[in-house]
C-alpha atoms as a PDB file:
ATOM      1  CA  MET A   1      44.387  70.922 -15.442  1.00  0.00           C
ATOM      2  CA  LYS A   2      43.884  69.740 -11.849  1.00  0.00           C
ATOM      3  CA  ILE A   3      40.258  70.070 -10.186  1.00  0.00           C
ATOM      4  CA  ASP A   4      41.676  72.651  -7.563  1.00  0.00           C
ATOM      5  CA  GLN A   5      43.259  74.807 -10.110  1.00  0.00           C
ATOM      6  CA  ALA A   6      40.248  74.666 -12.269  1.00  0.00           C
ATOM      7  CA  LEU A   7      37.994  75.672  -9.227  1.00  0.00           C
ATOM      8  CA  ARG A   8      40.429  78.545  -8.433  1.00  0.00           C
ATOM      9  CA  GLN A   9      39.961  79.686 -12.048  1.00  0.00           C
ATOM     10  CA  ALA A  10      36.212  79.548 -11.647  1.00  0.00           C
ATOM     11  CA  LYS A  11      36.248  81.536  -8.586  1.00  0.00           C
ATOM     12  CA  LYS A  12      38.485  84.207 -10.041  1.00  0.00           C
ATOM     13  CA  ALA A  13      36.157  84.431 -13.112  1.00  0.00           C
ATOM     14  CA  LYS A  14      33.242  84.892 -10.937  1.00  0.00           C
ATOM     15  CA  ALA A  15      34.972  87.548  -8.811  1.00  0.00           C
ATOM     16  CA  ASN A  16      35.686  89.392 -11.998  1.00  0.00           C
ATOM     17  CA  GLY A  17      32.175  89.297 -13.312  1.00  0.00           C
ATOM     18  CA  GLN A  18      32.922  86.776 -15.986  1.00  0.00           C
ATOM     19  CA  LEU A  19      29.875  84.658 -15.030  1.00  0.00           C
ATOM     20  CA  THR A  20      29.801  82.887 -18.404  1.00  0.00           C
ATOM     21  CA  ASP A  21      33.424  81.694 -18.203  1.00  0.00           C
ATOM     22  CA  ALA A  22      32.929  80.648 -14.482  1.00  0.00           C
ATOM     23  CA  ARG A  23      29.945  78.504 -15.494  1.00  0.00           C
ATOM     24  CA  GLU A  24      31.830  76.887 -18.378  1.00  0.00           C
ATOM     25  CA  ILE A  25      34.630  75.872 -15.916  1.00  0.00           C
ATOM     26  CA  TYR A  26      32.361  74.298 -13.494  1.00  0.00           C
ATOM     27  CA  GLN A  27      30.317  72.590 -16.066  1.00  0.00           C
ATOM     28  CA  GLN A  28      33.621  71.040 -17.417  1.00  0.00           C
ATOM     29  CA  ILE A  29      34.517  69.739 -13.914  1.00  0.00           C
ATOM     30  CA  LEU A  30      31.121  68.318 -13.585  1.00  0.00           C
ATOM     31  CA  SER A  31      31.113  66.720 -16.914  1.00  0.00           C
ATOM     32  CA  LYS A  32      34.147  64.580 -15.543  1.00  0.00           C
ATOM     33  CA  PHE A  33      33.217  64.442 -12.055  1.00  0.00           C
ATOM     34  CA  PRO A  34      29.505  64.940 -11.645  1.00  0.00           C
ATOM     35  CA  LYS A  35      29.575  64.603  -7.868  1.00  0.00           C
ATOM     36  CA  ASN A  36      32.273  67.365  -7.192  1.00  0.00           C
ATOM     37  CA  ALA A  37      30.549  69.049  -4.285  1.00  0.00           C
ATOM     38  CA  LYS A  38      32.636  72.491  -4.795  1.00  0.00           C
ATOM     39  CA  ALA A  39      31.765  72.692  -8.517  1.00  0.00           C
ATOM     40  CA  ARG A  40      28.004  71.988  -7.856  1.00  0.00           C
ATOM     41  CA  VAL A  41      27.958  74.536  -5.057  1.00  0.00           C
ATOM     42  CA  GLY A  42      29.762  77.164  -7.204  1.00  0.00           C
ATOM     43  CA  LEU A  43      27.231  76.375 -10.122  1.00  0.00           C
ATOM     44  CA  ALA A  44      24.421  76.900  -7.734  1.00  0.00           C
ATOM     45  CA  GLU A  45      25.835  80.195  -6.427  1.00  0.00           C
ATOM     46  CA  LEU A  46      26.012  81.506  -9.950  1.00  0.00           C
ATOM     47  CA  ASP A  47      22.332  80.675 -10.536  1.00  0.00           C
ATOM     48  CA  GLY A  48      21.652  82.542  -7.423  1.00  0.00           C
ATOM     49  CA  ALA A  49      23.606  85.533  -8.506  1.00  0.00           C
ATOM     50  CA  ASN A  50      20.655  86.550 -10.731  1.00  0.00           C
ATOM     51  CA  PRO A  51      17.626  84.591  -9.695  1.00  0.00           C
ATOM     52  CA  PRO A  52      14.496  84.909 -11.761  1.00  0.00           C
ATOM     53  CA  ASN A  53      11.224  85.814 -10.134  1.00  0.00           C
ATOM     54  CA  PRO A  54       9.435  82.324  -9.629  1.00  0.00           C
ATOM     55  CA  ALA A  55       6.231  83.940 -10.634  1.00  0.00           C
ATOM     56  CA  ALA A  56       7.706  84.725 -14.173  1.00  0.00           C
ATOM     57  CA  ILE A  57       8.645  80.998 -14.646  1.00  0.00           C
ATOM     58  CA  GLN A  58       5.106  79.942 -13.563  1.00  0.00           C
ATOM     59  CA  GLN A  59       3.822  82.431 -16.113  1.00  0.00           C
ATOM     60  CA  LEU A  60       5.752  81.104 -18.814  1.00  0.00           C
ATOM     61  CA  ILE A  61       4.736  77.580 -17.880  1.00  0.00           C
ATOM     62  CA  GLY A  62       1.110  78.724 -17.804  1.00  0.00           C
ATOM     63  CA  LEU A  63       1.355  80.137 -21.250  1.00  0.00           C
ATOM     64  CA  PHE A  64       2.675  76.893 -22.719  1.00  0.00           C
ATOM     65  CA  GLN A  65       0.202  74.799 -20.987  1.00  0.00           C
ATOM     66  CA  ALA A  66      -2.599  77.180 -22.205  1.00  0.00           C
ATOM     67  CA  ARG A  67      -1.214  76.669 -25.824  1.00  0.00           C
ATOM     68  CA  LYS A  68      -0.414  80.436 -26.120  1.00  0.00           C
ATOM     69  CA  LEU A  69       2.759  79.413 -27.973  1.00  0.00           C
ATOM     70  CA  LYS A  70       3.725  82.709 -29.622  1.00  0.00           C
ATOM     71  CA  GLU A  71       3.406  84.461 -26.321  1.00  0.00           C
ATOM     72  CA  ALA A  72       5.256  81.759 -24.527  1.00  0.00           C
ATOM     73  CA  ALA A  73       8.105  82.038 -27.069  1.00  0.00           C
ATOM     74  CA  GLN A  74       8.329  85.699 -26.786  1.00  0.00           C
ATOM     75  CA  PHE A  75       8.052  85.755 -23.047  1.00  0.00           C
ATOM     76  CA  GLY A  76      10.520  82.917 -22.556  1.00  0.00           C
ATOM     77  CA  THR A  77      13.099  84.660 -25.032  1.00  0.00           C
ATOM     78  CA  THR A  78      12.818  87.587 -22.833  1.00  0.00           C
ATOM     79  CA  LEU A  79      13.498  85.664 -19.622  1.00  0.00           C
ATOM     80  CA  VAL A  80      16.389  83.755 -21.305  1.00  0.00           C
ATOM     81  CA  GLN A  81      17.976  87.155 -22.052  1.00  0.00           C
ATOM     82  CA  GLN A  82      17.656  88.220 -18.446  1.00  0.00           C
ATOM     83  CA  HIS A  83      18.398  84.943 -16.901  1.00  0.00           C
ATOM     84  CA  PRO A  84      20.568  82.890 -19.316  1.00  0.00           C
ATOM     85  CA  ASN A  85      21.697  80.261 -16.782  1.00  0.00           C
ATOM     86  CA  ILE A  86      18.361  78.822 -15.564  1.00  0.00           C
ATOM     87  CA  ALA A  87      17.656  75.393 -17.143  1.00  0.00           C
ATOM     88  CA  VAL A  88      13.932  75.303 -16.529  1.00  0.00           C
ATOM     89  CA  ILE A  89      13.415  78.412 -18.750  1.00  0.00           C
ATOM     90  CA  HIS A  90      15.397  76.823 -21.705  1.00  0.00           C
ATOM     91  CA  ASN A  91      13.396  73.567 -21.148  1.00  0.00           C
ATOM     92  CA  VAL A  92      10.056  75.241 -21.340  1.00  0.00           C
ATOM     93  CA  LEU A  93      11.240  77.288 -24.423  1.00  0.00           C
ATOM     94  CA  GLY A  94      12.407  74.095 -26.145  1.00  0.00           C
ATOM     95  CA  ALA A  95       8.920  72.557 -25.476  1.00  0.00           C
ATOM     96  CA  THR A  96       7.297  75.642 -26.818  1.00  0.00           C
ATOM     97  CA  PHE A  97       9.500  75.796 -30.050  1.00  0.00           C
ATOM     98  CA  ALA A  98       8.854  72.002 -30.683  1.00  0.00           C
ATOM     99  CA  ALA A  99       5.190  72.611 -30.286  1.00  0.00           C
ATOM    100  CA  MET A 100       5.407  75.451 -32.920  1.00  0.00           C
ATOM    101  CA  GLY A 101       7.346  73.198 -35.279  1.00  0.00           C
ATOM    102  CA  GLN A 102      10.566  75.248 -34.858  1.00  0.00           C
ATOM    103  CA  GLY A 103      12.820  72.279 -34.660  1.00  0.00           C
ATOM    104  CA  ALA A 104      16.225  74.016 -34.803  1.00  0.00           C
ATOM    105  CA  GLN A 105      15.176  76.329 -32.113  1.00  0.00           C
ATOM    106  CA  ALA A 106      13.729  73.560 -29.951  1.00  0.00           C
ATOM    107  CA  GLU A 107      17.001  71.441 -30.164  1.00  0.00           C
ATOM    108  CA  GLN A 108      19.033  74.498 -29.401  1.00  0.00           C
ATOM    109  CA  ALA A 109      16.989  75.336 -26.141  1.00  0.00           C
ATOM    110  CA  TYR A 110      17.006  71.724 -25.056  1.00  0.00           C
ATOM    111  CA  GLY A 111      20.655  71.541 -25.536  1.00  0.00           C
ATOM    112  CA  ARG A 112      21.297  74.775 -23.398  1.00  0.00           C
ATOM    113  CA  ALA A 113      18.975  73.356 -20.694  1.00  0.00           C
ATOM    114  CA  ILE A 114      20.994  70.095 -20.739  1.00  0.00           C
ATOM    115  CA  LYS A 115      24.232  71.876 -20.469  1.00  0.00           C
ATOM    116  CA  LEU A 116      23.045  73.786 -17.647  1.00  0.00           C
ATOM    117  CA  ASP A 117      21.395  70.775 -15.805  1.00  0.00           C
ATOM    118  CA  PRO A 118      22.960  67.581 -17.328  1.00  0.00           C
ATOM    119  CA  GLN A 119      21.404  65.106 -14.905  1.00  0.00           C
ATOM    120  CA  ASN A 120      17.964  66.382 -15.234  1.00  0.00           C
ATOM    121  CA  ALA A 121      16.009  63.384 -16.532  1.00  0.00           C
ATOM    122  CA  GLU A 122      13.037  65.479 -17.597  1.00  0.00           C
ATOM    123  CA  ILE A 123      14.979  67.613 -19.985  1.00  0.00           C
ATOM    124  CA  HIS A 124      16.515  64.697 -21.824  1.00  0.00           C
ATOM    125  CA  ALA A 125      13.114  63.068 -22.001  1.00  0.00           C
ATOM    126  CA  ASN A 126      11.534  66.181 -23.465  1.00  0.00           C
ATOM    127  CA  LEU A 127      14.179  66.283 -26.160  1.00  0.00           C
ATOM    128  CA  ALA A 128      13.560  62.612 -26.837  1.00  0.00           C
ATOM    129  CA  ARG A 129       9.813  63.296 -27.314  1.00  0.00           C
ATOM    130  CA  TYR A 130      10.594  66.033 -29.690  1.00  0.00           C
ATOM    131  CA  TYR A 131      12.839  63.454 -31.636  1.00  0.00           C
ATOM    132  CA  GLN A 132       9.823  61.024 -31.662  1.00  0.00           C
ATOM    133  CA  GLY A 133       7.552  63.694 -33.057  1.00  0.00           C
ATOM    134  CA  VAL A 134       9.784  64.253 -36.025  1.00  0.00           C
ATOM    135  CA  GLN A 135      10.257  60.550 -36.464  1.00  0.00           C
ATOM    136  CA  ALA A 136      14.058  60.695 -35.429  1.00  0.00           C
ATOM    137  CA  HIS A 137      13.814  57.535 -33.511  1.00  0.00           C
ATOM    138  CA  ASP A 138      17.250  56.606 -33.251  1.00  0.00           C
ATOM    139  CA  GLN A 139      18.104  59.960 -31.586  1.00  0.00           C
ATOM    140  CA  ALA A 140      14.971  59.663 -29.348  1.00  0.00           C
ATOM    141  CA  ILE A 141      16.192  56.225 -28.164  1.00  0.00           C
ATOM    142  CA  GLN A 142      19.477  57.647 -27.287  1.00  0.00           C
ATOM    143  CA  SER A 143      18.136  60.619 -25.351  1.00  0.00           C
ATOM    144  CA  PHE A 144      15.587  58.504 -23.547  1.00  0.00           C
ATOM    145  CA  GLN A 145      18.378  56.161 -22.500  1.00  0.00           C
ATOM    146  CA  THR A 146      20.363  59.196 -21.078  1.00  0.00           C
ATOM    147  CA  ALA A 147      17.229  60.032 -19.113  1.00  0.00           C
ATOM    148  CA  LEU A 148      17.172  56.510 -17.765  1.00  0.00           C
ATOM    149  CA  LYS A 149      20.704  57.053 -16.377  1.00  0.00           C
ATOM    150  CA  HIS A 150      19.126  59.490 -14.035  1.00  0.00           C
ATOM    151  CA  ALA A 151      15.725  58.051 -13.449  1.00  0.00           C
ATOM    152  CA  PRO A 152      16.227  54.300 -14.045  1.00  0.00           C
ATOM    153  CA  ASN A 153      12.905  53.273 -12.417  1.00  0.00           C
ATOM    154  CA  ASN A 154      10.672  55.541 -14.662  1.00  0.00           C
ATOM    155  CA  PRO A 155       8.393  53.166 -16.582  1.00  0.00           C
ATOM    156  CA  THR A 156       7.282  55.935 -18.968  1.00  0.00           C
ATOM    157  CA  LEU A 157      11.041  56.434 -20.260  1.00  0.00           C
ATOM    158  CA  HIS A 158      11.209  52.448 -20.897  1.00  0.00           C
ATOM    159  CA  TYR A 159       7.720  52.416 -22.599  1.00  0.00           C
ATOM    160  CA  ASN A 160       8.862  55.231 -25.010  1.00  0.00           C
ATOM    161  CA  ILE A 161      11.974  53.472 -25.955  1.00  0.00           C
ATOM    162  CA  GLY A 162       9.969  50.427 -26.784  1.00  0.00           C
ATOM    163  CA  LEU A 163       7.676  52.601 -28.876  1.00  0.00           C
ATOM    164  CA  SER A 164      10.436  53.949 -30.748  1.00  0.00           C
ATOM    165  CA  TYR A 165      12.060  50.674 -31.332  1.00  0.00           C
ATOM    166  CA  GLN A 166       8.690  49.232 -32.336  1.00  0.00           C
ATOM    167  CA  ILE A 167       8.319  51.932 -34.981  1.00  0.00           C
ATOM    168  CA  LEU A 168      11.785  51.195 -36.149  1.00  0.00           C
ATOM    169  CA  GLY A 169      10.722  47.667 -36.650  1.00  0.00           C
ATOM    170  CA  GLN A 170      13.422  46.337 -34.017  1.00  0.00           C
ATOM    171  CA  ILE A 171      11.096  43.889 -32.403  1.00  0.00           C
ATOM    172  CA  GLU A 172      13.422  42.157 -29.921  1.00  0.00           C
ATOM    173  CA  PRO A 173      14.509  45.338 -27.990  1.00  0.00           C
ATOM    174  CA  ALA A 174      11.088  46.900 -28.278  1.00  0.00           C
ATOM    175  CA  ILE A 175       9.758  43.792 -26.342  1.00  0.00           C
ATOM    176  CA  ARG A 176      12.528  44.009 -23.816  1.00  0.00           C
ATOM    177  CA  SER A 177      11.593  47.658 -23.236  1.00  0.00           C
ATOM    178  CA  TYR A 178       7.848  46.800 -22.661  1.00  0.00           C
ATOM    179  CA  GLN A 179       8.671  44.066 -20.389  1.00  0.00           C
ATOM    180  CA  GLU A 180      10.861  46.505 -18.308  1.00  0.00           C
ATOM    181  CA  THR A 181       8.078  48.926 -18.469  1.00  0.00           C
ATOM    182  CA  LEU A 182       5.720  46.543 -17.120  1.00  0.00           C
ATOM    183  CA  ALA A 183       8.074  45.005 -14.399  1.00  0.00           C
ATOM    184  CA  LEU A 184       7.952  48.718 -13.031  1.00  0.00           C
ATOM    185  CA  ASN A 185       4.375  49.259 -13.512  1.00  0.00           C
ATOM    186  CA  ALA A 186       2.044  46.419 -14.639  1.00  0.00           C
ATOM    187  CA  ASN A 187      -0.957  48.634 -14.892  1.00  0.00           C
ATOM    188  CA  LEU A 188      -0.357  50.417 -18.246  1.00  0.00           C
ATOM    189  CA  PRO A 189      -2.764  49.204 -20.960  1.00  0.00           C
ATOM    190  CA  GLU A 190      -0.959  50.690 -23.735  1.00  0.00           C
ATOM    191  CA  ALA A 191       2.334  48.690 -22.821  1.00  0.00           C
ATOM    192  CA  TRP A 192       0.296  45.366 -22.602  1.00  0.00           C
ATOM    193  CA  ASN A 193      -1.320  46.327 -25.992  1.00  0.00           C
ATOM    194  CA  ASN A 194       1.903  46.942 -27.801  1.00  0.00           C
ATOM    195  CA  LEU A 195       3.661  43.965 -26.203  1.00  0.00           C
ATOM    196  CA  GLY A 196       0.788  41.858 -27.606  1.00  0.00           C
ATOM    197  CA  VAL A 197       1.283  43.219 -31.106  1.00  0.00           C
ATOM    198  CA  LEU A 198       4.976  42.336 -31.039  1.00  0.00           C
ATOM    199  CA  GLN A 199       4.332  38.835 -29.649  1.00  0.00           C
ATOM    200  CA  GLN A 200       1.634  38.193 -32.390  1.00  0.00           C
ATOM    201  CA  MET A 201       4.091  39.331 -35.095  1.00  0.00           C
ATOM    202  CA  GLN A 202       6.538  36.708 -33.689  1.00  0.00           C
ATOM    203  CA  GLY A 203       3.926  33.976 -33.778  1.00  0.00           C
ATOM    204  CA  ASP A 204       3.661  33.932 -30.134  1.00  0.00           C
ATOM    205  CA  PHE A 205      -0.279  33.730 -30.305  1.00  0.00           C
ATOM    206  CA  GLU A 206      -0.733  32.458 -26.690  1.00  0.00           C
ATOM    207  CA  GLY A 207       1.478  35.380 -25.351  1.00  0.00           C
ATOM    208  CA  ALA A 208      -0.380  37.875 -27.434  1.00  0.00           C
ATOM    209  CA  LEU A 209      -3.665  36.660 -26.205  1.00  0.00           C
ATOM    210  CA  GLU A 210      -2.634  37.002 -22.496  1.00  0.00           C
ATOM    211  CA  SER A 211      -1.216  40.506 -23.197  1.00  0.00           C
ATOM    212  CA  TYR A 212      -4.360  41.769 -25.061  1.00  0.00           C
ATOM    213  CA  HIS A 213      -6.606  40.385 -22.167  1.00  0.00           C
ATOM    214  CA  LYS A 214      -4.489  42.207 -19.559  1.00  0.00           C
ATOM    215  CA  SER A 215      -4.696  45.345 -21.423  1.00  0.00           C
ATOM    216  CA  LEU A 216      -8.477  45.083 -21.747  1.00  0.00           C
ATOM    217  CA  LYS A 217      -8.846  44.196 -18.128  1.00  0.00           C
ATOM    218  CA  LEU A 218      -7.205  47.509 -17.393  1.00  0.00           C
ATOM    219  CA  ARG A 219      -9.134  49.493 -19.944  1.00  0.00           C
ATOM    220  CA  ASN A 220     -12.207  47.670 -21.184  1.00  0.00           C
ATOM    221  CA  LYS A 221     -13.270  50.270 -23.798  1.00  0.00           C
ATOM    222  CA  TYR A 222      -9.746  50.273 -25.345  1.00  0.00           C
ATOM    223  CA  ALA A 223     -10.714  49.974 -29.190  1.00  0.00           C
ATOM    224  CA  GLU A 224      -7.229  49.472 -30.408  1.00  0.00           C
ATOM    225  CA  ALA A 225      -6.810  46.463 -28.093  1.00  0.00           C
ATOM    226  CA  HIS A 226     -10.258  45.053 -29.145  1.00  0.00           C
ATOM    227  CA  ASN A 227      -9.103  45.508 -32.705  1.00  0.00           C
ATOM    228  CA  ASN A 228      -5.756  43.806 -32.158  1.00  0.00           C
ATOM    229  CA  LEU A 229      -7.490  40.991 -30.506  1.00  0.00           C
ATOM    230  CA  GLY A 230      -9.767  40.543 -33.428  1.00  0.00           C
ATOM    231  CA  THR A 231      -6.642  40.348 -35.806  1.00  0.00           C
ATOM    232  CA  LEU A 232      -5.150  37.645 -33.487  1.00  0.00           C
ATOM    233  CA  TYR A 233      -8.482  35.539 -33.782  1.00  0.00           C
ATOM    234  CA  ASN A 234      -8.696  36.035 -37.468  1.00  0.00           C
ATOM    235  CA  LEU A 235      -5.108  34.848 -37.981  1.00  0.00           C
ATOM    236  CA  GLN A 236      -6.182  31.574 -36.194  1.00  0.00           C
ATOM    237  CA  ASP A 237      -9.714  31.398 -38.290  1.00  0.00           C
ATOM    238  CA  MET A 238     -11.591  32.007 -35.102  1.00  0.00           C
ATOM    239  CA  HIS A 239     -14.119  34.019 -37.083  1.00  0.00           C
ATOM    240  CA  ALA A 240     -16.823  34.466 -34.459  1.00  0.00           C
ATOM    241  CA  PRO A 241     -14.600  35.942 -31.856  1.00  0.00           C
ATOM    242  CA  ALA A 242     -12.872  37.943 -34.429  1.00  0.00           C
ATOM    243  CA  LYS A 243     -16.035  39.536 -35.550  1.00  0.00           C
ATOM    244  CA  GLU A 244     -17.184  40.196 -32.043  1.00  0.00           C
ATOM    245  CA  SER A 245     -13.795  41.974 -31.340  1.00  0.00           C
ATOM    246  CA  PHE A 246     -13.954  44.207 -34.194  1.00  0.00           C
ATOM    247  CA  GLU A 247     -17.314  45.169 -33.586  1.00  0.00           C
ATOM    248  CA  THR A 248     -16.754  46.021 -29.862  1.00  0.00           C
ATOM    249  CA  ALA A 249     -13.921  48.084 -31.041  1.00  0.00           C
ATOM    250  CA  ILE A 250     -16.277  50.070 -33.392  1.00  0.00           C
ATOM    251  CA  GLN A 251     -18.867  50.239 -30.522  1.00  0.00           C
ATOM    252  CA  HIS A 252     -16.201  52.016 -28.169  1.00  0.00           C
ATOM    253  CA  ASN A 253     -14.532  54.130 -30.980  1.00  0.00           C
ATOM    254  CA  ALA A 254     -16.823  54.706 -33.971  1.00  0.00           C
ATOM    255  CA  LYS A 255     -13.939  56.611 -35.708  1.00  0.00           C
ATOM    256  CA  TYR A 256     -11.372  53.837 -35.445  1.00  0.00           C
ATOM    257  CA  ALA A 257     -10.881  53.110 -39.049  1.00  0.00           C
ATOM    258  CA  PRO A 258      -8.742  49.909 -38.649  1.00  0.00           C
ATOM    259  CA  ALA A 259     -11.552  48.016 -36.868  1.00  0.00           C
ATOM    260  CA  TYR A 260     -13.877  48.790 -39.914  1.00  0.00           C
ATOM    261  CA  THR A 261     -11.217  47.625 -42.507  1.00  0.00           C
ATOM    262  CA  ASN A 262     -10.357  44.477 -40.509  1.00  0.00           C
ATOM    263  CA  LEU A 263     -14.070  43.763 -40.287  1.00  0.00           C
ATOM    264  CA  CYS A 264     -14.559  44.189 -43.724  1.00  0.00           C
ATOM    265  CA  GLU A 265     -11.474  41.979 -44.510  1.00  0.00           C
ATOM    266  CA  LEU A 266     -13.212  39.264 -42.323  1.00  0.00           C
ATOM    267  CA  LEU A 267     -16.669  39.570 -44.092  1.00  0.00           C
ATOM    268  CA  GLU A 268     -14.833  39.160 -47.491  1.00  0.00           C
ATOM    269  CA  LYS A 269     -13.043  36.081 -46.429  1.00  0.00           C
ATOM    270  CA  LEU A 270     -16.524  34.707 -45.253  1.00  0.00           C
ATOM    271  CA  ASN A 271     -18.028  35.666 -48.642  1.00  0.00           C
ATOM    272  CA  GLN A 272     -20.532  38.134 -47.157  1.00  0.00           C
ATOM    273  CA  PRO A 273     -20.505  41.101 -49.578  1.00  0.00           C
ATOM    274  CA  GLN A 274     -23.769  42.559 -48.426  1.00  0.00           C
ATOM    275  CA  ASP A 275     -22.664  42.799 -44.682  1.00  0.00           C
ATOM    276  CA  MET A 276     -19.263  44.269 -46.018  1.00  0.00           C
ATOM    277  CA  LEU A 277     -21.139  46.907 -47.692  1.00  0.00           C
ATOM    278  CA  GLY A 278     -23.206  47.559 -44.637  1.00  0.00           C
ATOM    279  CA  ILE A 279     -19.970  48.017 -42.653  1.00  0.00           C
ATOM    280  CA  VAL A 280     -18.817  50.506 -45.344  1.00  0.00           C
ATOM    281  CA  ALA A 281     -22.065  52.383 -44.993  1.00  0.00           C
ATOM    282  CA  SER A 282     -21.779  52.563 -41.312  1.00  0.00           C
ATOM    283  CA  ALA A 283     -18.271  53.991 -41.678  1.00  0.00           C
ATOM    284  CA  LYS A 284     -19.568  56.674 -44.175  1.00  0.00           C
ATOM    285  CA  GLU A 285     -21.579  58.050 -41.227  1.00  0.00           C
ATOM    286  CA  GLN A 286     -18.470  58.515 -39.131  1.00  0.00           C
ATOM    287  CA  PHE A 287     -15.777  59.734 -41.682  1.00  0.00           C
ATOM    288  CA  GLU A 288     -16.211  62.895 -43.671  1.00  0.00           C
ATOM    289  CA  THR A 289     -13.602  61.325 -46.141  1.00  0.00           C
ATOM    290  CA  LEU A 290     -13.847  57.626 -46.281  1.00  0.00           C
ATOM    291  CA  PRO A 291     -10.390  56.113 -45.865  1.00  0.00           C
ATOM    292  CA  ALA A 292      -8.882  54.522 -49.133  1.00  0.00           C
ATOM    293  CA  ASP A 293      -8.984  50.863 -47.753  1.00  0.00           C
ATOM    294  CA  LEU A 294     -12.698  51.206 -46.902  1.00  0.00           C
ATOM    295  CA  ARG A 295     -13.313  52.585 -50.467  1.00  0.00           C
ATOM    296  CA  TYR A 296     -11.590  49.466 -51.792  1.00  0.00           C
ATOM    297  CA  PHE A 297     -13.728  47.269 -49.848  1.00  0.00           C
ATOM    298  CA  GLU A 298     -16.723  49.191 -51.081  1.00  0.00           C
ATOM    299  CA  ALA A 299     -15.573  48.470 -54.612  1.00  0.00           C
ATOM    300  CA  LEU A 300     -14.937  45.015 -53.886  1.00  0.00           C
ATOM    301  CA  GLY A 301     -18.424  44.287 -52.328  1.00  0.00           C
ATOM    302  CA  ILE A 302     -19.952  46.051 -55.455  1.00  0.00           C
ATOM    303  CA  TYR A 303     -17.720  43.740 -57.674  1.00  0.00           C
ATOM    304  CA  ARG A 304     -18.957  40.591 -55.791  1.00  0.00           C
ATOM    305  CA  GLN A 305     -22.562  41.643 -56.494  1.00  0.00           C
ATOM    306  CA  LYS A 306     -21.729  41.658 -60.210  1.00  0.00           C
ATOM    307  CA  ASP A 307     -22.013  45.427 -60.651  1.00  0.00           C
ATOM    308  CA  PHE A 308     -18.830  45.717 -62.832  1.00  0.00           C
ATOM    309  CA  GLU A 309     -19.553  49.325 -64.067  1.00  0.00           C
ATOM    310  CA  GLN A 310     -20.081  50.699 -60.556  1.00  0.00           C
ATOM    311  CA  GLY A 311     -16.980  48.684 -59.282  1.00  0.00           C
ATOM    312  CA  HIS A 312     -14.804  50.148 -62.122  1.00  0.00           C
ATOM    313  CA  HIS A 313     -16.056  53.588 -61.135  1.00  0.00           C
ATOM    314  CA  LEU A 314     -15.234  53.181 -57.482  1.00  0.00           C
ATOM    315  CA  ILE A 315     -11.712  51.483 -58.089  1.00  0.00           C
ATOM    316  CA  ALA A 316     -10.782  54.170 -60.729  1.00  0.00           C
ATOM    317  CA  ASP A 317     -10.901  57.002 -57.959  1.00  0.00           C
ATOM    318  CA  ILE A 318      -8.284  55.135 -55.796  1.00  0.00           C
ATOM    319  CA  THR A 319      -4.559  55.111 -56.403  1.00  0.00           C
ATOM    320  CA  VAL A 320      -2.344  52.276 -55.113  1.00  0.00           C
ATOM    321  CA  ASP A 321      -0.114  54.629 -52.995  1.00  0.00           C
ATOM    322  CA  GLN A 322      -3.275  55.531 -51.020  1.00  0.00           C
ATOM    323  CA  ILE A 323      -3.756  51.928 -49.978  1.00  0.00           C
ATOM    324  CA  SER A 324      -2.218  50.406 -46.985  1.00  0.00           C
ATOM    325  CA  GLU A 325       0.895  47.962 -47.587  1.00  0.00           C
ATOM    326  CA  GLN A 326      -1.048  44.867 -46.461  1.00  0.00           C
ATOM    327  CA  ARG A 327      -3.668  45.255 -48.967  1.00  0.00           C
ATOM    328  CA  LYS A 328      -1.754  46.710 -52.018  1.00  0.00           C
ATOM    329  CA  THR A 329      -1.651  43.314 -53.623  1.00  0.00           C
ATOM    330  CA  SER A 330      -5.310  42.596 -53.352  1.00  0.00           C
ATOM    331  CA  PHE A 331      -6.141  46.063 -54.613  1.00  0.00           C
ATOM    332  CA  LEU A 332      -4.053  45.542 -57.701  1.00  0.00           C
ATOM    333  CA  HIS A 333      -5.620  42.165 -58.241  1.00  0.00           C
ATOM    334  CA  LEU A 334      -9.178  43.531 -57.957  1.00  0.00           C
ATOM    335  CA  SER A 335      -8.248  46.554 -60.352  1.00  0.00           C
ATOM    336  CA  ALA A 336      -7.021  43.998 -62.915  1.00  0.00           C
ATOM    337  CA  GLN A 337     -10.268  41.827 -62.654  1.00  0.00           C
ATOM    338  CA  ILE A 338     -12.729  44.871 -62.917  1.00  0.00           C
ATOM    339  CA  ALA A 339     -10.802  46.094 -65.838  1.00  0.00           C
ATOM    340  CA  HIS A 340     -10.936  42.673 -67.418  1.00  0.00           C
ATOM    341  CA  ASN A 341     -14.673  42.565 -67.041  1.00  0.00           C
END
């Protein structure tokens, strides 16, 4: 069908009160010719045929921001029934359903919002963040990339693409995404930190060191970056700065468990079981339930002090599936040693 013929059909449908049919025709035109002025005007006129009260939309947004999710869902559903062709209502409703854990409804709402406003980067990004939240990272990347087509200079979109690639273990595209992020905005400590982690994984210790330092220059009390810097030093057997970095991470965030476990691992390497048990004791003051890796280090410290009975008692309360992947082998080795003694 030619564009002029389709436009005439849309106008006729609107004149006959068939607003849904008119909208679908305009959307079909814009899907192929997104810059067609007549279709865009016609679509805008349809939205204006039954405009919602701006105060009602603000009320919906306010309910969502106040985390009154049930009320937001009910009010948003009512608004959608009254104004089915307003993208922002579907968008907020999608975010509400996502926060409530109602995935099917969230996807449906975002899908309707995108159909109504396909060039709105925010809606595509919100759908992508929903996919990230449910660990559907391939779909998240696809939606973020669609958002980028409409907002190519948005560093947050590049960052989130990098994050999903990193979680999927796709290091090279993750690095590229973080580099694109930082080219647009070099003042993002999380991006520098994550880039450092990936550089470290690739053996680029010099690059990782520079990235961690840039991250910490932007946010000096960034516990995760201090911890990661410690792991970099530890890999190079630079024990004193590694210990200092782990301790600094704990100082800035006393509930950051990886810093405790990494510090315990370093103290085990240095054959300092008493100090290791001291770190475990400090962690017990912060955690209602001690993480399994720290319980492992407690058992290890007790074993190193030749208290085999207590070591056996502690290790028996831990199952291998509770231990992080990087320490499973050491855990099984210790379990066998204690059982033998």
